């Protein structure tokens, strides 16, 4: 159990939650593990099979404490709350902000570029002795140019379209050297450029699968705090597209998805033989490879990192939910700006 931003996250399957006086009590195998007063709670988020007593559900409903139920892999199931809800006010604020999204977009774009650049800098440290000098020069040049683009986007004088252009320019630089970061012995696992719907090579197939997992987590995070996942800021509205979830994942995918994909192929946990060609040139992960990736994905989400804004450690799997909470807080007027997540 982890308490952050007045929310309790229950990530241990088989745990039991019950009411004891004016407290929430968490137990595992009959042993008390945590106790939190109701007045310190705004919501409870549970992952997987967790028992919640009827008395606790009643106390939460009566006290304005929201219960959020997610599958073990993070997919949103339900949100339970009492009759008084601020969701309509939050969503109205979200819709108004989507008409003038510059400040939120600036935070998202700046963090995404900074996190992409951190992936390149980490590769320079990890493979400094293995990179040929021209490769080192290419990666350094891309990282330096991306730093300049991030400063430009942060300077508050770019329009919305200019910030979208800066995001695209930085992405092109990042992926122009992405092949240098792949250290797999398999020639088929390389980077020739982004392809999707369908992916046309192994690396794109792996990234697309991880991006799908992250999108699901970000959509669940939006739903868990009462935001409309379809109305975004950086991504334009389009029927059937979870634009806000895609916004939320932009600052997270360099670390949660790209780095994991590189680790899997560089450590030879995923090889060329783990991919299957389909009609039309599409390439997909095999069933066994998907299991390997899912296991690594869950392990990565359990890793803890310092959250720069909160000043304490949190599991990577909780970061989308924390960011959604802070975005909701900004939209409600509780925070002056949306604080994005930077990889440290």
Protein backbone atom coordinates (compact mmCIF):
# COMPACT_ATOMS: atom_id res chain seq x y z
CA UNK A 1 0.00 0.00 0.00
CA UNK A 2 1.25 3.49 -0.90
CA UNK A 3 -0.29 6.83 0.09
CA UNK A 4 0.40 9.77 -2.24
CA UNK A 5 -1.55 12.99 -2.81
CA UNK A 6 -4.35 11.94 -0.40
CA UNK A 7 -4.86 8.73 -2.37
CA UNK A 8 -4.17 5.20 -1.17
CA UNK A 9 -2.96 2.75 -3.82
CA UNK A 10 -3.45 -0.97 -3.07
CA UNK A 11 -1.22 -3.03 -5.35
CA UNK A 12 -1.10 -6.34 -3.42
CA UNK A 13 -3.62 -8.83 -4.74
CA UNK A 14 -5.46 -10.70 -1.99
CA UNK A 15 -5.32 -7.75 0.38
CA UNK A 16 -8.40 -6.84 2.45
CA UNK A 17 -9.65 -3.37 3.26
CA UNK A 18 -12.05 -2.74 6.14
CA UNK A 19 -13.41 0.04 8.30
CA UNK A 20 -12.26 0.38 11.90
CA UNK A 21 -13.80 3.41 13.56
CA UNK A 22 -12.84 6.40 11.40
CA UNK A 23 -9.94 4.60 9.75
CA UNK A 24 -9.25 2.54 6.66
CA UNK A 25 -7.33 -0.60 7.60
CA UNK A 26 -5.38 -2.68 5.07
CA UNK A 27 -4.63 -6.33 5.89
CA UNK A 28 -2.73 -9.10 4.11
CA UNK A 29 -3.26 -12.68 5.28
CA UNK A 30 -5.08 -11.38 8.35
CA UNK A 31 -2.18 -9.15 9.41
CA UNK A 32 -2.65 -5.38 9.58
CA UNK A 33 -0.26 -3.59 7.23
CA UNK A 34 -1.53 -0.01 7.26
CA UNK A 35 -4.08 2.31 8.85
CA UNK A 36 -5.17 5.66 7.41
CA UNK A 37 -7.74 8.08 8.90
CA UNK A 38 -10.66 8.86 6.59
CA UNK A 39 -10.13 12.61 6.93
CA UNK A 40 -6.75 12.22 5.19
CA UNK A 41 -8.22 10.45 2.15
CA UNK A 42 -9.74 11.64 -1.11
CA UNK A 43 -9.68 8.33 -2.99
CA UNK A 44 -8.66 4.67 -2.86
CA UNK A 45 -7.30 2.94 -5.98
CA UNK A 46 -7.10 -0.88 -6.00
CA UNK A 47 -5.30 -3.08 -8.52
CA UNK A 48 -6.60 -6.60 -9.10
CA UNK A 49 -8.45 -8.83 -6.63
CA UNK A 50 -8.76 -6.85 -3.38
CA UNK A 51 -11.58 -7.36 -0.87
CA UNK A 52 -13.38 -4.24 0.38
CA UNK A 53 -15.87 -4.63 3.20
CA UNK A 54 -19.41 -3.28 2.76
CA UNK A 55 -18.93 -1.08 5.83
CA UNK A 56 -15.86 0.53 4.26
CA UNK A 57 -17.66 1.08 0.95
CA UNK A 58 -20.50 2.78 2.81
CA UNK A 59 -18.11 4.96 4.79
CA UNK A 60 -16.27 6.01 1.63
CA UNK A 61 -19.52 6.84 -0.19
CA UNK A 62 -20.78 8.87 2.76
CA UNK A 63 -17.45 10.65 3.26
CA UNK A 64 -16.87 11.65 -0.35
CA UNK A 65 -13.98 9.19 -0.78
CA UNK A 66 -13.84 7.73 -4.29
CA UNK A 67 -13.13 4.02 -4.86
CA UNK A 68 -11.43 3.14 -8.15
CA UNK A 69 -11.19 -0.46 -9.36
CA UNK A 70 -8.53 -1.46 -11.90
CA UNK A 71 -7.50 -4.81 -13.31
CA UNK A 72 -4.12 -6.17 -12.25
CA UNK A 73 -2.57 -4.82 -15.46
CA UNK A 74 -4.01 -1.36 -14.80
CA UNK A 75 -7.05 -1.39 -17.10
CA UNK A 76 -9.89 0.73 -15.76
CA UNK A 77 -12.95 -1.18 -14.49
CA UNK A 78 -15.10 1.15 -12.40
CA UNK A 79 -15.22 4.28 -10.28
CA UNK A 80 -17.56 4.28 -7.28
CA UNK A 81 -18.50 7.41 -5.37
CA UNK A 82 -21.34 8.90 -3.36
CA UNK A 83 -24.09 11.16 -4.68
CA UNK A 84 -22.13 14.41 -4.38
CA UNK A 85 -19.45 14.67 -7.08
CA UNK A 86 -17.29 17.43 -8.49
CA UNK A 87 -16.73 15.58 -11.74
CA UNK A 88 -19.00 17.83 -13.76
CA UNK A 89 -17.10 20.92 -12.58
CA UNK A 90 -13.76 19.25 -13.27
CA UNK A 91 -14.79 18.26 -16.78
CA UNK A 92 -16.18 21.72 -17.49
CA UNK A 93 -12.80 23.13 -16.46
CA UNK A 94 -11.07 20.56 -18.69
CA UNK A 95 -13.20 21.53 -21.69
CA UNK A 96 -12.56 25.24 -21.13
CA UNK A 97 -8.81 24.65 -20.80
CA UNK A 98 -8.77 22.62 -24.03
CA UNK A 99 -9.72 25.81 -25.90
CA UNK A 100 -6.60 27.58 -24.59
CA UNK A 101 -4.18 24.74 -23.82
CA UNK A 102 -0.84 26.52 -24.33
CA UNK A 103 0.46 26.34 -20.74
CA UNK A 104 -0.40 22.67 -20.29
CA UNK A 105 1.04 21.80 -23.71
CA UNK A 106 4.24 23.67 -22.83
CA UNK A 107 4.69 21.51 -19.72
CA UNK A 108 4.02 18.27 -21.63
CA UNK A 109 6.30 19.12 -24.57
CA UNK A 110 9.16 20.34 -22.38
CA UNK A 111 9.08 17.19 -20.24
CA UNK A 112 8.81 14.85 -23.22
CA UNK A 113 11.84 16.40 -24.93
CA UNK A 114 13.83 16.39 -21.68
CA UNK A 115 13.01 12.71 -21.07
CA UNK A 116 13.88 11.73 -24.65
CA UNK A 117 17.18 13.56 -24.24
CA UNK A 118 17.79 11.69 -20.97
CA UNK A 119 17.43 8.39 -22.85
CA UNK A 120 20.17 9.52 -25.25
CA UNK A 121 22.43 10.72 -22.45
CA UNK A 122 21.98 7.44 -20.57
CA UNK A 123 22.99 5.54 -23.72
CA UNK A 124 26.10 7.71 -24.03
CA UNK A 125 27.09 6.76 -20.48
CA UNK A 126 26.26 3.07 -20.88
CA UNK A 127 27.93 2.51 -24.26
CA UNK A 128 30.63 5.17 -24.35
CA UNK A 129 33.39 2.60 -24.86
CA UNK A 130 31.38 0.67 -27.50
CA UNK A 131 30.28 3.59 -29.68
CA UNK A 132 32.51 4.58 -32.58
CA UNK A 133 33.49 8.25 -32.55
CA UNK A 134 31.08 9.22 -35.39
CA UNK A 135 28.23 7.58 -33.45
CA UNK A 136 29.16 9.43 -30.26
CA UNK A 137 29.22 12.68 -32.23
CA UNK A 138 25.79 12.01 -33.78
CA UNK A 139 24.14 11.20 -30.46
CA UNK A 140 25.78 14.16 -28.69
CA UNK A 141 24.71 16.52 -31.47
CA UNK A 142 21.12 15.29 -31.29
CA UNK A 143 21.08 15.67 -27.48
CA UNK A 144 22.48 19.21 -27.68
CA UNK A 145 19.96 20.24 -30.33
CA UNK A 146 17.11 18.75 -28.29
CA UNK A 147 18.22 20.76 -25.24
CA UNK A 148 17.97 23.93 -27.32
CA UNK A 149 14.49 22.96 -28.56
CA UNK A 150 13.33 22.28 -24.99
CA UNK A 151 14.59 25.70 -23.87
CA UNK A 152 12.80 27.31 -26.79
CA UNK A 153 9.53 25.54 -25.97
CA UNK A 154 9.86 26.53 -22.31
CA UNK A 155 10.47 30.21 -23.10
CA UNK A 156 6.71 31.01 -23.21
CA UNK A 157 6.86 32.83 -26.55
CA UNK A 158 5.85 29.92 -28.80
CA UNK A 159 2.31 29.50 -30.07
CA UNK A 160 0.45 26.21 -29.75
CA UNK A 161 1.32 25.22 -33.31
CA UNK A 162 4.95 26.18 -32.81
CA UNK A 163 5.13 24.00 -29.70
CA UNK A 164 3.64 21.11 -31.66
CA UNK A 165 6.30 21.76 -34.27
CA UNK A 166 9.02 21.76 -31.61
CA UNK A 167 7.75 18.43 -30.30
CA UNK A 168 7.88 16.97 -33.81
CA UNK A 169 11.35 18.40 -34.48
CA UNK A 170 12.72 16.91 -31.26
CA UNK A 171 11.08 13.54 -32.02
CA UNK A 172 12.73 13.47 -35.45
CA UNK A 173 16.13 14.15 -33.89
CA UNK A 174 15.57 11.50 -31.22
CA UNK A 175 14.58 8.80 -33.68
CA UNK A 176 17.29 9.81 -36.16
CA UNK A 177 19.86 8.33 -33.75
CA UNK A 178 17.64 5.65 -32.19
CA UNK A 179 19.29 2.89 -34.23
CA UNK A 180 22.60 3.66 -32.46
CA UNK A 181 21.00 2.71 -29.14
CA UNK A 182 20.05 -0.78 -30.34
CA UNK A 183 22.82 -3.27 -29.45
CA UNK A 184 21.10 -6.50 -30.51
CA UNK A 185 23.23 -9.00 -32.47
CA UNK A 186 20.24 -9.68 -34.76
CA UNK A 187 20.41 -7.65 -37.97
CA UNK A 188 16.63 -7.73 -38.26
CA UNK A 189 16.27 -5.75 -35.04
CA UNK A 190 17.20 -2.28 -36.17
CA UNK A 191 15.60 1.12 -36.64
CA UNK A 192 14.61 2.41 -40.08
CA UNK A 193 11.90 4.81 -38.96
CA UNK A 194 8.51 4.71 -37.27
CA UNK A 195 5.82 2.50 -38.78
CA UNK A 196 2.46 1.63 -37.21
CA UNK A 197 -1.01 0.35 -38.05
CA UNK A 198 0.57 -2.08 -38.76
CA UNK A 199 4.20 -2.10 -37.57
CA UNK A 200 6.48 -3.27 -40.39
CA UNK A 201 9.58 -4.43 -38.49
CA UNK A 202 10.45 -6.02 -35.11
CA UNK A 203 11.43 -2.83 -33.26
CA UNK A 204 8.27 -1.03 -34.31
CA UNK A 205 6.21 -4.06 -33.30
CA UNK A 206 7.79 -4.04 -29.83
CA UNK A 207 7.34 -0.29 -29.38
CA UNK A 208 3.73 -0.39 -30.59
CA UNK A 209 2.89 -3.13 -28.09
CA UNK A 210 4.46 -1.16 -25.21
CA UNK A 211 2.78 2.08 -26.31
CA UNK A 212 -0.55 0.27 -26.26
CA UNK A 213 0.05 -0.89 -22.68
CA UNK A 214 1.04 2.62 -21.60
CA UNK A 215 -1.99 4.16 -23.34
CA UNK A 216 -4.27 1.82 -21.39
CA UNK A 217 -2.62 2.85 -18.11
CA UNK A 218 -2.91 6.55 -18.93
CA UNK A 219 -6.54 6.19 -19.93
CA UNK A 220 -7.23 4.42 -16.63
CA UNK A 221 -5.45 7.23 -14.79
CA UNK A 222 -7.66 9.84 -16.46
CA UNK A 223 -10.80 7.85 -15.67
CA UNK A 224 -9.73 7.31 -12.06
CA UNK A 225 -9.73 11.05 -11.25
CA UNK A 226 -12.84 11.90 -13.28
CA UNK A 227 -11.18 13.47 -16.35
CA UNK A 228 -12.55 12.90 -19.85
CA UNK A 229 -9.85 10.81 -21.64
CA UNK A 230 -11.14 11.90 -25.05
CA UNK A 231 -10.51 15.65 -24.66
CA UNK A 232 -6.83 16.51 -24.79
CA UNK A 233 -4.54 19.49 -25.14
CA UNK A 234 -1.53 18.52 -27.27
CA UNK A 235 -3.43 15.96 -29.36
CA UNK A 236 -6.38 17.24 -31.34
CA UNK A 237 -9.81 15.80 -30.64
CA UNK A 238 -10.82 12.97 -32.94
CA UNK A 239 -13.75 10.53 -32.59
CA UNK A 240 -12.62 7.34 -30.88
CA UNK A 241 -9.19 8.67 -29.92
CA UNK A 242 -8.26 9.01 -26.20
CA UNK A 243 -6.51 12.34 -26.76
CA UNK A 244 -5.92 13.17 -23.09
CA UNK A 245 -4.48 9.70 -22.44
CA UNK A 246 -2.12 10.24 -25.37
CA UNK A 247 -1.14 13.62 -23.93
CA UNK A 248 -0.40 12.07 -20.56
CA UNK A 249 1.75 9.32 -22.04
CA UNK A 250 3.98 11.67 -24.07
CA UNK A 251 6.22 12.62 -21.15
CA UNK A 252 6.28 9.01 -19.89
CA UNK A 253 6.92 6.86 -22.94
CA UNK A 254 10.65 7.66 -23.44
CA UNK A 255 11.32 6.06 -20.05
CA UNK A 256 8.51 3.56 -19.53
CA UNK A 257 8.32 2.25 -23.12
CA UNK A 258 11.40 3.22 -25.17
CA UNK A 259 13.92 2.38 -22.46
CA UNK A 260 12.21 -0.92 -21.72
CA UNK A 261 12.20 -1.86 -25.42
CA UNK A 262 15.91 -1.10 -25.66
CA UNK A 263 16.65 -3.08 -22.50
CA UNK A 264 14.75 -6.11 -23.79
CA UNK A 265 16.61 -6.27 -27.10
CA UNK A 266 20.01 -5.21 -25.76
CA UNK A 267 19.88 -7.85 -23.02
CA UNK A 268 18.77 -10.39 -25.64
CA UNK A 269 15.54 -11.18 -23.82
CA UNK A 270 13.79 -10.48 -27.14
CA UNK A 271 15.36 -11.80 -30.35
CA UNK A 272 14.45 -11.69 -34.02
CA UNK A 273 12.88 -15.15 -33.73
CA UNK A 274 10.29 -13.71 -31.31
CA UNK A 275 8.49 -11.88 -34.13
CA UNK A 276 6.04 -13.21 -36.70
CA UNK A 277 5.49 -11.75 -40.19
CA UNK A 278 1.89 -11.43 -41.36
CA UNK A 279 0.17 -10.76 -44.66
CA UNK A 280 0.77 -7.30 -46.04
CA UNK A 281 4.21 -6.95 -44.42
CA UNK A 282 2.98 -6.54 -40.84
CA UNK A 283 5.19 -7.84 -38.02
CA UNK A 284 3.92 -8.81 -34.56
CA UNK A 285 5.28 -10.34 -31.37
CA UNK A 286 4.71 -14.05 -30.90
CA UNK A 287 2.51 -15.24 -28.04
CA UNK A 288 5.50 -16.31 -25.95
CA UNK A 289 7.31 -13.03 -26.61
CA UNK A 290 4.25 -11.06 -25.48
CA UNK A 291 4.38 -12.94 -22.18
CA UNK A 292 8.05 -12.00 -21.82
CA UNK A 293 7.29 -8.35 -22.52
CA UNK A 294 4.31 -8.29 -20.15
CA UNK A 295 6.42 -9.76 -17.35
CA UNK A 296 9.14 -7.15 -17.94
CA UNK A 297 6.48 -4.41 -18.12
CA UNK A 298 5.07 -5.34 -14.71
CA UNK A 299 8.57 -5.55 -13.23
CA UNK A 300 9.45 -2.11 -14.62
CA UNK A 301 6.28 -0.62 -13.17
CA UNK A 302 7.29 -1.84 -9.70
CA UNK A 303 10.59 0.07 -9.83
CA UNK A 304 10.69 3.21 -7.71
CA UNK A 305 11.95 6.62 -8.76
CA UNK A 306 12.08 9.96 -7.00
CA UNK A 307 9.19 12.18 -8.04
CA UNK A 308 10.77 15.63 -8.40
CA UNK A 309 7.59 17.57 -7.60
CA UNK A 310 6.35 15.42 -4.71
CA UNK A 311 9.82 14.98 -3.25
CA UNK A 312 9.38 11.27 -2.49
CA UNK A 313 9.74 7.94 -4.24
CA UNK A 314 6.88 6.33 -6.14
CA UNK A 315 6.54 3.20 -8.24
CA UNK A 316 6.77 3.92 -11.97
CA UNK A 317 3.40 2.22 -12.42
CA UNK A 318 1.78 4.86 -10.22
CA UNK A 319 3.25 7.84 -12.09
CA UNK A 320 0.40 8.09 -14.67
CA UNK A 321 -2.10 8.21 -11.79
CA UNK A 322 -0.10 10.84 -9.92
CA UNK A 323 0.19 12.98 -13.05
CA UNK A 324 -3.55 12.67 -13.72
CA UNK A 325 -4.24 13.78 -10.14
CA UNK A 326 -1.99 16.81 -10.49
CA UNK A 327 -3.51 17.72 -13.85
CA UNK A 328 -6.96 17.53 -12.26
CA UNK A 329 -5.71 19.69 -9.38
CA UNK A 330 -4.42 22.31 -11.81
CA UNK A 331 -7.70 22.34 -13.73
CA UNK A 332 -9.64 22.79 -10.48
CA UNK A 333 -7.41 25.74 -9.57
CA UNK A 334 -5.63 24.00 -6.70
CA UNK A 335 -2.25 24.30 -8.45
CA UNK A 336 -0.91 27.25 -10.45
CA UNK A 337 0.50 25.01 -13.20
CA UNK A 338 0.64 21.38 -14.25
CA UNK A 339 3.97 19.91 -13.01
CA UNK A 340 5.16 17.34 -15.58
CA UNK A 341 7.25 14.29 -14.73
CA UNK A 342 10.98 14.39 -15.38
CA UNK A 343 13.11 11.24 -15.34
CA UNK A 344 15.87 11.49 -12.77
